[in-house]
Protein backbone atom coordinates (compact mmCIF):
# COMPACT_ATOMS: atom_id res chain seq x y z
CA MET A 1 -10.24 -8.98 20.64
CA ILE A 2 -9.35 -5.98 18.72
CA LYS A 3 -7.74 -5.17 16.28
CA LYS A 4 -5.83 -1.81 15.71
CA TYR A 5 -5.97 -1.18 11.12
CA SER A 6 -3.43 1.36 10.15
CA GLN A 7 -4.90 4.97 9.01
CA THR A 8 -3.99 3.74 5.47
CA TYR A 9 -5.88 0.48 5.25
CA LEU A 10 -9.25 1.96 7.23
CA LYS A 11 -8.92 5.67 4.34
CA THR A 12 -8.87 2.05 1.43
CA LEU A 13 -11.71 0.34 2.89
CA ASN A 14 -13.24 3.38 2.90
CA ASN A 15 -12.74 4.71 -0.92
CA ARG A 16 -13.65 0.94 -1.77
CA LEU A 17 -17.36 0.93 0.41
CA ASN A 18 -17.69 4.60 -0.76
CA THR A 19 -16.93 3.28 -4.47
CA ILE A 20 -19.38 0.26 -4.11
CA PHE A 21 -22.71 2.29 -2.85
CA ASN A 22 -22.22 5.04 -5.50
CA TYR A 23 -22.23 2.71 -8.04
CA SER A 24 -25.71 0.81 -6.43
CA GLU A 25 -26.87 4.84 -6.00
CA LYS A 26 -26.96 5.67 -10.15
CA TYR A 27 -27.57 1.96 -11.74
CA LEU A 28 -29.51 -0.32 -9.04
CA LYS A 29 -31.64 2.96 -7.69
CA VAL A 30 -29.94 2.57 -3.50
CA THR A 31 -31.79 5.71 -1.67
CA LYS A 32 -28.62 6.27 0.48
CA ASN A 33 -24.98 5.95 0.61
CA PRO A 34 -23.90 5.11 4.31
CA CYS A 35 -20.63 6.59 3.18
CA LYS A 36 -21.62 10.32 2.18
CA LEU A 37 -24.02 10.51 5.51
CA CYS A 38 -20.56 9.85 7.70
CA GLY A 39 -18.33 11.20 5.44
CA SER A 40 -14.36 10.07 4.25
CA ILE A 41 -11.32 9.20 6.16
CA ARG A 42 -9.10 11.42 6.10
CA LYS A 43 -5.36 10.41 8.02
CA LYS A 44 -3.54 12.06 10.91
CA ASN A 45 -0.34 11.69 8.83
CA SER A 46 0.73 11.24 5.90
CA THR A 47 3.24 8.30 5.41
CA THR A 48 6.73 8.55 2.70
CA ILE A 49 8.32 6.35 1.05
CA GLN A 50 11.22 6.65 0.66
CA PHE A 51 14.27 4.87 -2.05
CA TRP A 52 17.30 4.35 -2.40
CA THR A 53 19.12 6.30 -4.82
CA ASN A 54 21.30 3.80 -7.62
CA GLU A 55 24.45 4.91 -6.05
CA GLU A 56 23.16 3.62 -2.42
CA TYR A 57 21.98 0.45 -3.90
CA LYS A 58 25.10 -0.55 -5.32
CA ARG A 59 26.62 0.46 -1.87
CA PHE A 60 24.40 -2.26 -0.53
CA VAL A 61 24.92 -4.50 -2.75
CA LYS A 62 28.87 -4.13 -2.34
CA GLY A 63 28.47 -4.59 1.21
CA ILE A 64 27.00 -8.46 0.66
CA GLU A 65 29.12 -9.69 -2.08
CA ASP A 66 30.42 -11.95 0.15
CA LYS A 67 27.24 -13.82 1.35
CA PRO A 68 25.44 -15.09 -2.71
CA LEU A 69 22.53 -16.61 -0.87
CA THR A 70 21.50 -12.92 0.56
CA LYS A 71 22.44 -10.82 -2.18
CA ILE A 72 20.21 -12.89 -4.45
CA MET A 73 17.16 -12.85 -2.64
CA SER A 74 18.00 -9.55 -2.04
CA ILE A 75 18.04 -7.96 -6.13
CA ASN A 76 15.12 -10.57 -6.26
CA LYS A 77 13.28 -8.39 -4.25
CA THR A 78 13.70 -5.53 -5.32
CA TYR A 79 12.95 -6.43 -8.52
CA ALA A 80 9.79 -8.00 -7.93
CA ARG A 81 9.33 -4.76 -6.08
CA LEU A 82 9.57 -2.42 -9.10
CA LYS A 83 7.36 -5.02 -10.58
CA GLY A 84 4.56 -4.10 -7.98
CA LYS A 85 5.30 -7.69 -6.48
CA ASP A 86 5.82 -6.71 -3.07
CA LEU A 87 7.26 -10.61 -1.55
CA ILE A 88 7.50 -11.42 2.07
């Protein structure tokens, strides 16, 4: 079963492996870094993240006021993302 991984994931994985091998070259006397031989992975297109403005967020919350559970979940999810934790 073959999974297709995103370019972002592959680039992150390549960067982490490169860091490990750079450390190995410097401190553990490994002679060659295979990541340097292969080169870095470049993303085809950069992704953009769109954020809501404060006004857009207030408009959204106002639209779900009649659904208290949805409002609580949304506000909690937004707060968690601001703290750097991604919820499902």
